[in-house]
Amino acid sequence: MPEGMNIIGWIVIGLLAGAIAGWFVPGRERFGCLGTMLIGIVGGLIGGWIWTGPLGQQEPGGFLGALLVAVLGSAIVLLVIRQLRGNRS
């Protein structure tokens, strides 16, 4: 996340990232605003870890960089959730 970002910034990026990732990942689950936000925030953490850890990239700069990494991480989270839900039935 960009330096100096407060909790409101994290929430906004999480909400946007969760919603955008929901458009790209197939399926029709509805998580609501809070669920989408949590998926986006967790996705941002996972995406940031993958981006800086295994991929060895520098931290994304600015709002758009953080949003892109959070969307990619959120898509991974959504795929995992949908896979787990699919295996339960």
PDB file of N, CA and C in Angstrom:
ATOM      1  N   MET A   1       0.831  -1.180   0.000  1.00  0.00           N
ATOM      2  CA  MET A   1       0.000   0.000   0.000  1.00  0.00           C
ATOM      3  C   MET A   1       0.877   1.245   0.000  1.00  0.00           C
ATOM      4  N   PRO A   2       0.405   2.293  -0.614  1.00  0.00           N
ATOM      5  CA  PRO A   2       1.190   3.530  -0.627  1.00  0.00           C
ATOM      6  C   PRO A   2       1.434   4.043   0.785  1.00  0.00           C
ATOM      7  N   GLU A   3       2.588   4.680   0.964  1.00  0.00           N
ATOM      8  CA  GLU A   3       2.921   5.232   2.270  1.00  0.00           C
ATOM      9  C   GLU A   3       1.919   6.310   2.650  1.00  0.00           C
ATOM     10  N   GLY A   4       1.614   6.375   3.922  1.00  0.00           N
ATOM     11  CA  GLY A   4       0.729   7.408   4.429  1.00  0.00           C
ATOM     12  C   GLY A   4      -0.745   7.123   4.225  1.00  0.00           C
ATOM     13  N   MET A   5      -1.095   5.942   3.735  1.00  0.00           N
ATOM     14  CA  MET A   5      -2.501   5.641   3.515  1.00  0.00           C
ATOM     15  C   MET A   5      -3.135   5.264   4.856  1.00  0.00           C
ATOM     16  N   ASN A   6      -4.248   5.892   5.162  1.00  0.00           N
ATOM     17  CA  ASN A   6      -4.934   5.601   6.416  1.00  0.00           C
ATOM     18  C   ASN A   6      -5.962   4.495   6.208  1.00  0.00           C
ATOM     19  N   ILE A   7      -6.676   4.169   7.257  1.00  0.00           N
ATOM     20  CA  ILE A   7      -7.641   3.066   7.216  1.00  0.00           C
ATOM     21  C   ILE A   7      -8.743   3.306   6.188  1.00  0.00           C
ATOM     22  N   ILE A   8      -9.128   4.567   5.999  1.00  0.00           N
ATOM     23  CA  ILE A   8     -10.158   4.875   4.997  1.00  0.00           C
ATOM     24  C   ILE A   8      -9.643   4.520   3.605  1.00  0.00           C
ATOM     25  N   GLY A   9      -8.391   4.814   3.338  1.00  0.00           N
ATOM     26  CA  GLY A   9      -7.802   4.462   2.051  1.00  0.00           C
ATOM     27  C   GLY A   9      -7.787   2.961   1.824  1.00  0.00           C
ATOM     28  N   TRP A  10      -7.437   2.201   2.868  1.00  0.00           N
ATOM     29  CA  TRP A  10      -7.456   0.735   2.772  1.00  0.00           C
ATOM     30  C   TRP A  10      -8.861   0.232   2.459  1.00  0.00           C
ATOM     31  N   ILE A  11      -9.860   0.806   3.125  1.00  0.00           N
ATOM     32  CA  ILE A  11     -11.245   0.371   2.921  1.00  0.00           C
ATOM     33  C   ILE A  11     -11.698   0.690   1.504  1.00  0.00           C
ATOM     34  N   VAL A  12     -11.370   1.888   1.016  1.00  0.00           N
ATOM     35  CA  VAL A  12     -11.769   2.271  -0.341  1.00  0.00           C
ATOM     36  C   VAL A  12     -11.110   1.353  -1.368  1.00  0.00           C
ATOM     37  N   ILE A  13      -9.814   1.120  -1.218  1.00  0.00           N
ATOM     38  CA  ILE A  13      -9.124   0.217  -2.147  1.00  0.00           C
ATOM     39  C   ILE A  13      -9.699  -1.190  -2.037  1.00  0.00           C
ATOM     40  N   GLY A  14      -9.986  -1.654  -0.817  1.00  0.00           N
ATOM     41  CA  GLY A  14     -10.564  -2.981  -0.638  1.00  0.00           C
ATOM     42  C   GLY A  14     -11.918  -3.118  -1.290  1.00  0.00           C
ATOM     43  N   LEU A  15     -12.767  -2.121  -1.131  1.00  0.00           N
ATOM     44  CA  LEU A  15     -14.096  -2.154  -1.740  1.00  0.00           C
ATOM     45  C   LEU A  15     -14.000  -2.155  -3.255  1.00  0.00           C
ATOM     46  N   LEU A  16     -13.178  -1.281  -3.792  1.00  0.00           N
ATOM     47  CA  LEU A  16     -13.009  -1.218  -5.245  1.00  0.00           C
ATOM     48  C   LEU A  16     -12.392  -2.503  -5.797  1.00  0.00           C
ATOM     49  N   ALA A  17     -11.361  -2.989  -5.128  1.00  0.00           N
ATOM     50  CA  ALA A  17     -10.674  -4.189  -5.609  1.00  0.00           C
ATOM     51  C   ALA A  17     -11.595  -5.402  -5.573  1.00  0.00           C
ATOM     52  N   GLY A  18     -12.354  -5.554  -4.496  1.00  0.00           N
ATOM     53  CA  GLY A  18     -13.289  -6.680  -4.412  1.00  0.00           C
ATOM     54  C   GLY A  18     -14.353  -6.610  -5.488  1.00  0.00           C
ATOM     55  N   ALA A  19     -14.870  -5.416  -5.747  1.00  0.00           N
ATOM     56  CA  ALA A  19     -15.907  -5.249  -6.766  1.00  0.00           C
ATOM     57  C   ALA A  19     -15.352  -5.497  -8.166  1.00  0.00           C
ATOM     58  N   ILE A  20     -14.184  -4.956  -8.455  1.00  0.00           N
ATOM     59  CA  ILE A  20     -13.582  -5.141  -9.780  1.00  0.00           C
ATOM     60  C   ILE A  20     -13.236  -6.609 -10.001  1.00  0.00           C
ATOM     61  N   ALA A  21     -12.677  -7.256  -9.001  1.00  0.00           N
ATOM     62  CA  ALA A  21     -12.328  -8.675  -9.128  1.00  0.00           C
ATOM     63  C   ALA A  21     -13.582  -9.511  -9.365  1.00  0.00           C
ATOM     64  N   GLY A  22     -14.709  -9.108  -8.748  1.00  0.00           N
ATOM     65  CA  GLY A  22     -15.965  -9.828  -8.955  1.00  0.00           C
ATOM     66  C   GLY A  22     -16.438  -9.788 -10.394  1.00  0.00           C
ATOM     67  N   TRP A  23     -16.070  -8.748 -11.119  1.00  0.00           N
ATOM     68  CA  TRP A  23     -16.441  -8.652 -12.543  1.00  0.00           C
ATOM     69  C   TRP A  23     -15.623  -9.609 -13.399  1.00  0.00           C
ATOM     70  N   PHE A  24     -14.375  -9.871 -12.993  1.00  0.00           N
ATOM     71  CA  PHE A  24     -13.471 -10.680 -13.804  1.00  0.00           C
ATOM     72  C   PHE A  24     -13.542 -12.167 -13.500  1.00  0.00           C
ATOM     73  N   VAL A  25     -13.935 -12.519 -12.297  1.00  0.00           N
ATOM     74  CA  VAL A  25     -13.984 -13.924 -11.900  1.00  0.00           C
ATOM     75  C   VAL A  25     -15.407 -14.436 -12.137  1.00  0.00           C
ATOM     76  N   PRO A  26     -15.561 -15.501 -12.909  1.00  0.00           N
ATOM     77  CA  PRO A  26     -16.909 -15.991 -13.209  1.00  0.00           C
ATOM     78  C   PRO A  26     -17.629 -16.498 -11.966  1.00  0.00           C
ATOM     79  N   GLY A  27     -18.937 -16.363 -11.961  1.00  0.00           N
ATOM     80  CA  GLY A  27     -19.764 -16.805 -10.850  1.00  0.00           C
ATOM     81  C   GLY A  27     -20.744 -15.725 -10.447  1.00  0.00           C
ATOM     82  N   ARG A  28     -21.708 -16.085  -9.604  1.00  0.00           N
ATOM     83  CA  ARG A  28     -22.751 -15.138  -9.241  1.00  0.00           C
ATOM     84  C   ARG A  28     -22.931 -14.978  -7.744  1.00  0.00           C
ATOM     85  N   GLU A  29     -21.933 -15.306  -6.944  1.00  0.00           N
ATOM     86  CA  GLU A  29     -22.086 -15.125  -5.506  1.00  0.00           C
ATOM     87  C   GLU A  29     -22.239 -13.649  -5.177  1.00  0.00           C
ATOM     88  N   ARG A  30     -23.057 -13.383  -4.192  1.00  0.00           N
ATOM     89  CA  ARG A  30     -23.238 -12.021  -3.696  1.00  0.00           C
ATOM     90  C   ARG A  30     -22.719 -11.989  -2.263  1.00  0.00           C
ATOM     91  N   PHE A  31     -21.720 -11.169  -2.023  1.00  0.00           N
ATOM     92  CA  PHE A  31     -21.107 -11.095  -0.708  1.00  0.00           C
ATOM     93  C   PHE A  31     -21.539  -9.862   0.062  1.00  0.00           C
ATOM     94  N   GLY A  32     -22.218  -8.942  -0.579  1.00  0.00           N
ATOM     95  CA  GLY A  32     -22.607  -7.709   0.078  1.00  0.00           C
ATOM     96  C   GLY A  32     -21.430  -6.752   0.168  1.00  0.00           C
ATOM     97  N   CYS A  33     -21.691  -5.576   0.653  1.00  0.00           N
ATOM     98  CA  CYS A  33     -20.664  -4.532   0.714  1.00  0.00           C
ATOM     99  C   CYS A  33     -19.528  -4.925   1.659  1.00  0.00           C
ATOM    100  N   LEU A  34     -19.855  -5.393   2.841  1.00  0.00           N
ATOM    101  CA  LEU A  34     -18.840  -5.762   3.818  1.00  0.00           C
ATOM    102  C   LEU A  34     -18.019  -6.954   3.332  1.00  0.00           C
ATOM    103  N   GLY A  35     -18.682  -7.961   2.776  1.00  0.00           N
ATOM    104  CA  GLY A  35     -17.968  -9.129   2.261  1.00  0.00           C
ATOM    105  C   GLY A  35     -17.047  -8.775   1.114  1.00  0.00           C
ATOM    106  N   THR A  36     -17.524  -7.923   0.208  1.00  0.00           N
ATOM    107  CA  THR A  36     -16.704  -7.475  -0.910  1.00  0.00           C
ATOM    108  C   THR A  36     -15.492  -6.703  -0.412  1.00  0.00           C
ATOM    109  N   MET A  37     -15.705  -5.873   0.604  1.00  0.00           N
ATOM    110  CA  MET A  37     -14.619  -5.090   1.178  1.00  0.00           C
ATOM    111  C   MET A  37     -13.584  -6.011   1.831  1.00  0.00           C
ATOM    112  N   LEU A  38     -14.050  -7.005   2.574  1.00  0.00           N
ATOM    113  CA  LEU A  38     -13.128  -7.937   3.229  1.00  0.00           C
ATOM    114  C   LEU A  38     -12.343  -8.752   2.205  1.00  0.00           C
ATOM    115  N   ILE A  39     -13.020  -9.187   1.147  1.00  0.00           N
ATOM    116  CA  ILE A  39     -12.329  -9.914   0.082  1.00  0.00           C
ATOM    117  C   ILE A  39     -11.272  -9.024  -0.550  1.00  0.00           C
ATOM    118  N   GLY A  40     -11.621  -7.754  -0.766  1.00  0.00           N
ATOM    119  CA  GLY A  40     -10.660  -6.818  -1.349  1.00  0.00           C
ATOM    120  C   GLY A  40      -9.475  -6.544  -0.451  1.00  0.00           C
ATOM    121  N   ILE A  41      -9.720  -6.388   0.842  1.00  0.00           N
ATOM    122  CA  ILE A  41      -8.620  -6.121   1.775  1.00  0.00           C
ATOM    123  C   ILE A  41      -7.716  -7.343   1.906  1.00  0.00           C
ATOM    124  N   VAL A  42      -8.311  -8.522   2.068  1.00  0.00           N
ATOM    125  CA  VAL A  42      -7.510  -9.748   2.135  1.00  0.00           C
ATOM    126  C   VAL A  42      -6.775  -9.954   0.811  1.00  0.00           C
ATOM    127  N   GLY A  43      -7.477  -9.685  -0.284  1.00  0.00           N
ATOM    128  CA  GLY A  43      -6.837  -9.795  -1.597  1.00  0.00           C
ATOM    129  C   GLY A  43      -5.681  -8.831  -1.753  1.00  0.00           C
ATOM    130  N   GLY A  44      -5.829  -7.628  -1.218  1.00  0.00           N
ATOM    131  CA  GLY A  44      -4.740  -6.658  -1.272  1.00  0.00           C
ATOM    132  C   GLY A  44      -3.522  -7.138  -0.504  1.00  0.00           C
ATOM    133  N   LEU A  45      -3.759  -7.728   0.655  1.00  0.00           N
ATOM    134  CA  LEU A  45      -2.648  -8.260   1.454  1.00  0.00           C
ATOM    135  C   LEU A  45      -1.963  -9.422   0.740  1.00  0.00           C
ATOM    136  N   ILE A  46      -2.771 -10.323   0.196  1.00  0.00           N
ATOM    137  CA  ILE A  46      -2.211 -11.475  -0.511  1.00  0.00           C
ATOM    138  C   ILE A  46      -1.506 -11.026  -1.786  1.00  0.00           C
ATOM    139  N   GLY A  47      -2.157 -10.135  -2.537  1.00  0.00           N
ATOM    140  CA  GLY A  47      -1.542  -9.624  -3.760  1.00  0.00           C
ATOM    141  C   GLY A  47      -0.249  -8.890  -3.484  1.00  0.00           C
ATOM    142  N   GLY A  48      -0.222  -8.090  -2.424  1.00  0.00           N
ATOM    143  CA  GLY A  48       0.994  -7.380  -2.056  1.00  0.00           C
ATOM    144  C   GLY A  48       2.107  -8.321  -1.656  1.00  0.00           C
ATOM    145  N   TRP A  49       1.747  -9.374  -0.930  1.00  0.00           N
ATOM    146  CA  TRP A  49       2.747 -10.351  -0.519  1.00  0.00           C
ATOM    147  C   TRP A  49       3.313 -11.075  -1.744  1.00  0.00           C
ATOM    148  N   ILE A  50       2.439 -11.507  -2.653  1.00  0.00           N
ATOM    149  CA  ILE A  50       2.903 -12.196  -3.865  1.00  0.00           C
ATOM    150  C   ILE A  50       3.763 -11.260  -4.710  1.00  0.00           C
ATOM    151  N   TRP A  51       3.326 -10.012  -4.840  1.00  0.00           N
ATOM    152  CA  TRP A  51       4.033  -9.037  -5.670  1.00  0.00           C
ATOM    153  C   TRP A  51       5.447  -8.774  -5.152  1.00  0.00           C
ATOM    154  N   THR A  52       5.565  -8.560  -3.832  1.00  0.00           N
ATOM    155  CA  THR A  52       6.871  -8.208  -3.277  1.00  0.00           C
ATOM    156  C   THR A  52       7.697  -9.422  -2.872  1.00  0.00           C
ATOM    157  N   GLY A  53       7.039 -10.535  -2.547  1.00  0.00           N
ATOM    158  CA  GLY A  53       7.749 -11.728  -2.095  1.00  0.00           C
ATOM    159  C   GLY A  53       8.210 -12.590  -3.248  1.00  0.00           C
ATOM    160  N   PRO A  54       7.380 -13.555  -3.664  1.00  0.00           N
ATOM    161  CA  PRO A  54       7.797 -14.480  -4.713  1.00  0.00           C
ATOM    162  C   PRO A  54       8.158 -13.806  -6.044  1.00  0.00           C
ATOM    163  N   LEU A  55       7.449 -12.748  -6.437  1.00  0.00           N
ATOM    164  CA  LEU A  55       7.764 -12.085  -7.699  1.00  0.00           C
ATOM    165  C   LEU A  55       8.935 -11.110  -7.580  1.00  0.00           C
ATOM    166  N   GLY A  56       9.263 -10.702  -6.351  1.00  0.00           N
ATOM    167  CA  GLY A  56      10.427  -9.865  -6.115  1.00  0.00           C
ATOM    168  C   GLY A  56      10.332  -8.450  -6.668  1.00  0.00           C
ATOM    169  N   GLN A  57       9.136  -7.933  -6.835  1.00  0.00           N
ATOM    170  CA  GLN A  57       8.951  -6.580  -7.352  1.00  0.00           C
ATOM    171  C   GLN A  57       8.974  -5.559  -6.218  1.00  0.00           C
ATOM    172  N   GLN A  58       9.197  -4.291  -6.575  1.00  0.00           N
ATOM    173  CA  GLN A  58       9.104  -3.225  -5.589  1.00  0.00           C
ATOM    174  C   GLN A  58       7.638  -3.004  -5.239  1.00  0.00           C
ATOM    175  N   GLU A  59       7.396  -2.393  -4.075  1.00  0.00           N
ATOM    176  CA  GLU A  59       6.023  -2.093  -3.687  1.00  0.00           C
ATOM    177  C   GLU A  59       5.372  -1.224  -4.745  1.00  0.00           C
ATOM    178  N   PRO A  60       4.089  -1.502  -5.059  1.00  0.00           N
ATOM    179  CA  PRO A  60       3.420  -0.689  -6.079  1.00  0.00           C
ATOM    180  C   PRO A  60       3.294   0.754  -5.612  1.00  0.00           C
ATOM    181  N   GLY A  61       3.497   1.667  -6.517  1.00  0.00           N
ATOM    182  CA  GLY A  61       3.436   3.081  -6.162  1.00  0.00           C
ATOM    183  C   GLY A  61       2.076   3.684  -6.447  1.00  0.00           C
ATOM    184  N   GLY A  62       1.603   4.476  -5.533  1.00  0.00           N
ATOM    185  CA  GLY A  62       0.377   5.222  -5.739  1.00  0.00           C
ATOM    186  C   GLY A  62      -0.889   4.402  -5.611  1.00  0.00           C
ATOM    187  N   PHE A  63      -1.997   5.092  -5.763  1.00  0.00           N
ATOM    188  CA  PHE A  63      -3.313   4.492  -5.612  1.00  0.00           C
ATOM    189  C   PHE A  63      -3.568   3.434  -6.686  1.00  0.00           C
ATOM    190  N   LEU A  64      -3.251   3.748  -7.948  1.00  0.00           N
ATOM    191  CA  LEU A  64      -3.536   2.809  -9.034  1.00  0.00           C
ATOM    192  C   LEU A  64      -2.699   1.540  -8.940  1.00  0.00           C
ATOM    193  N   GLY A  65      -1.450   1.670  -8.547  1.00  0.00           N
ATOM    194  CA  GLY A  65      -0.612   0.490  -8.369  1.00  0.00           C
ATOM    195  C   GLY A  65      -1.137  -0.409  -7.261  1.00  0.00           C
ATOM    196  N   ALA A  66      -1.517   0.216  -6.147  1.00  0.00           N
ATOM    197  CA  ALA A  66      -2.080  -0.554  -5.028  1.00  0.00           C
ATOM    198  C   ALA A  66      -3.395  -1.207  -5.444  1.00  0.00           C
ATOM    199  N   LEU A  67      -4.207  -0.487  -6.201  1.00  0.00           N
ATOM    200  CA  LEU A  67      -5.485  -1.037  -6.651  1.00  0.00           C
ATOM    201  C   LEU A  67      -5.274  -2.227  -7.575  1.00  0.00           C
ATOM    202  N   LEU A  68      -4.331  -2.127  -8.498  1.00  0.00           N
ATOM    203  CA  LEU A  68      -4.060  -3.226  -9.425  1.00  0.00           C
ATOM    204  C   LEU A  68      -3.621  -4.484  -8.682  1.00  0.00           C
ATOM    205  N   VAL A  69      -2.700  -4.336  -7.758  1.00  0.00           N
ATOM    206  CA  VAL A  69      -2.217  -5.488  -6.982  1.00  0.00           C
ATOM    207  C   VAL A  69      -3.356  -6.055  -6.131  1.00  0.00           C
ATOM    208  N   ALA A  70      -4.182  -5.185  -5.545  1.00  0.00           N
ATOM    209  CA  ALA A  70      -5.302  -5.644  -4.723  1.00  0.00           C
ATOM    210  C   ALA A  70      -6.339  -6.370  -5.575  1.00  0.00           C
ATOM    211  N   VAL A  71      -6.584  -5.912  -6.790  1.00  0.00           N
ATOM    212  CA  VAL A  71      -7.541  -6.596  -7.679  1.00  0.00           C
ATOM    213  C   VAL A  71      -7.021  -7.985  -8.027  1.00  0.00           C
ATOM    214  N   LEU A  72      -5.751  -8.093  -8.347  1.00  0.00           N
ATOM    215  CA  LEU A  72      -5.187  -9.410  -8.665  1.00  0.00           C
ATOM    216  C   LEU A  72      -5.264 -10.352  -7.460  1.00  0.00           C
ATOM    217  N   GLY A  73      -4.934  -9.843  -6.292  1.00  0.00           N
ATOM    218  CA  GLY A  73      -5.051 -10.663  -5.083  1.00  0.00           C
ATOM    219  C   GLY A  73      -6.491 -11.025  -4.773  1.00  0.00           C
ATOM    220  N   SER A  74      -7.413 -10.101  -4.995  1.00  0.00           N
ATOM    221  CA  SER A  74      -8.837 -10.361  -4.743  1.00  0.00           C
ATOM    222  C   SER A  74      -9.378 -11.411  -5.693  1.00  0.00           C
ATOM    223  N   ALA A  75      -8.908 -11.390  -6.932  1.00  0.00           N
ATOM    224  CA  ALA A  75      -9.332 -12.414  -7.889  1.00  0.00           C
ATOM    225  C   ALA A  75      -8.873 -13.793  -7.416  1.00  0.00           C
ATOM    226  N   ILE A  76      -7.677 -13.874  -6.877  1.00  0.00           N
ATOM    227  CA  ILE A  76      -7.182 -15.150  -6.333  1.00  0.00           C
ATOM    228  C   ILE A  76      -8.055 -15.596  -5.165  1.00  0.00           C
ATOM    229  N   VAL A  77      -8.380 -14.661  -4.266  1.00  0.00           N
ATOM    230  CA  VAL A  77      -9.239 -14.991  -3.114  1.00  0.00           C
ATOM    231  C   VAL A  77     -10.600 -15.475  -3.592  1.00  0.00           C
ATOM    232  N   LEU A  78     -11.193 -14.789  -4.566  1.00  0.00           N
ATOM    233  CA  LEU A  78     -12.501 -15.206  -5.086  1.00  0.00           C
ATOM    234  C   LEU A  78     -12.444 -16.592  -5.717  1.00  0.00           C
ATOM    235  N   LEU A  79     -11.398 -16.864  -6.467  1.00  0.00           N
ATOM    236  CA  LEU A  79     -11.256 -18.190  -7.070  1.00  0.00           C
ATOM    237  C   LEU A  79     -11.168 -19.277  -6.011  1.00  0.00           C
ATOM    238  N   VAL A  80     -10.432 -19.007  -4.951  1.00  0.00           N
ATOM    239  CA  VAL A  80     -10.310 -19.991  -3.857  1.00  0.00           C
ATOM    240  C   VAL A  80     -11.659 -20.186  -3.176  1.00  0.00           C
ATOM    241  N   ILE A  81     -12.363 -19.085  -2.872  1.00  0.00           N
ATOM    242  CA  ILE A  81     -13.677 -19.190  -2.222  1.00  0.00           C
ATOM    243  C   ILE A  81     -14.646 -19.970  -3.091  1.00  0.00           C
ATOM    244  N   ARG A  82     -14.684 -19.670  -4.355  1.00  0.00           N
ATOM    245  CA  ARG A  82     -15.617 -20.354  -5.257  1.00  0.00           C
ATOM    246  C   ARG A  82     -15.247 -21.814  -5.427  1.00  0.00           C
ATOM    247  N   GLN A  83     -13.965 -22.116  -5.432  1.00  0.00           N
ATOM    248  CA  GLN A  83     -13.542 -23.516  -5.518  1.00  0.00           C
ATOM    249  C   GLN A  83     -13.958 -24.283  -4.261  1.00  0.00           C
ATOM    250  N   LEU A  84     -13.787 -23.671  -3.101  1.00  0.00           N
ATOM    251  CA  LEU A  84     -14.166 -24.325  -1.850  1.00  0.00           C
ATOM    252  C   LEU A  84     -15.680 -24.511  -1.760  1.00  0.00           C
ATOM    253  N   ARG A  85     -16.426 -23.530  -2.178  1.00  0.00           N
ATOM    254  CA  ARG A  85     -17.891 -23.647  -2.172  1.00  0.00           C
ATOM    255  C   ARG A  85     -18.376 -24.698  -3.149  1.00  0.00           C
ATOM    256  N   GLY A  86     -17.701 -24.798  -4.277  1.00  0.00           N
ATOM    257  CA  GLY A  86     -18.086 -25.794  -5.291  1.00  0.00           C
ATOM    258  C   GLY A  86     -17.831 -27.201  -4.819  1.00  0.00           C
ATOM    259  N   ASN A  87     -16.811 -27.386  -4.007  1.00  0.00           N
ATOM    260  CA  ASN A  87     -16.460 -28.717  -3.519  1.00  0.00           C
ATOM    261  C   ASN A  87     -17.357 -29.161  -2.360  1.00  0.00           C
ATOM    262  N   ARG A  88     -18.104 -28.226  -1.753  1.00  0.00           N
ATOM    263  CA  ARG A  88     -18.955 -28.584  -0.621  1.00  0.00           C
ATOM    264  C   ARG A  88     -20.237 -29.270  -1.057  1.00  0.00           C
ATOM    265  N   SER A  89     -20.711 -29.008  -2.242  1.00  0.00           N
ATOM    266  CA  SER A  89     -22.007 -29.563  -2.654  1.00  0.00           C
ATOM    267  C   SER A  89     -21.869 -30.885  -3.361  1.00  0.00           C
TER     268      SER A  89
END
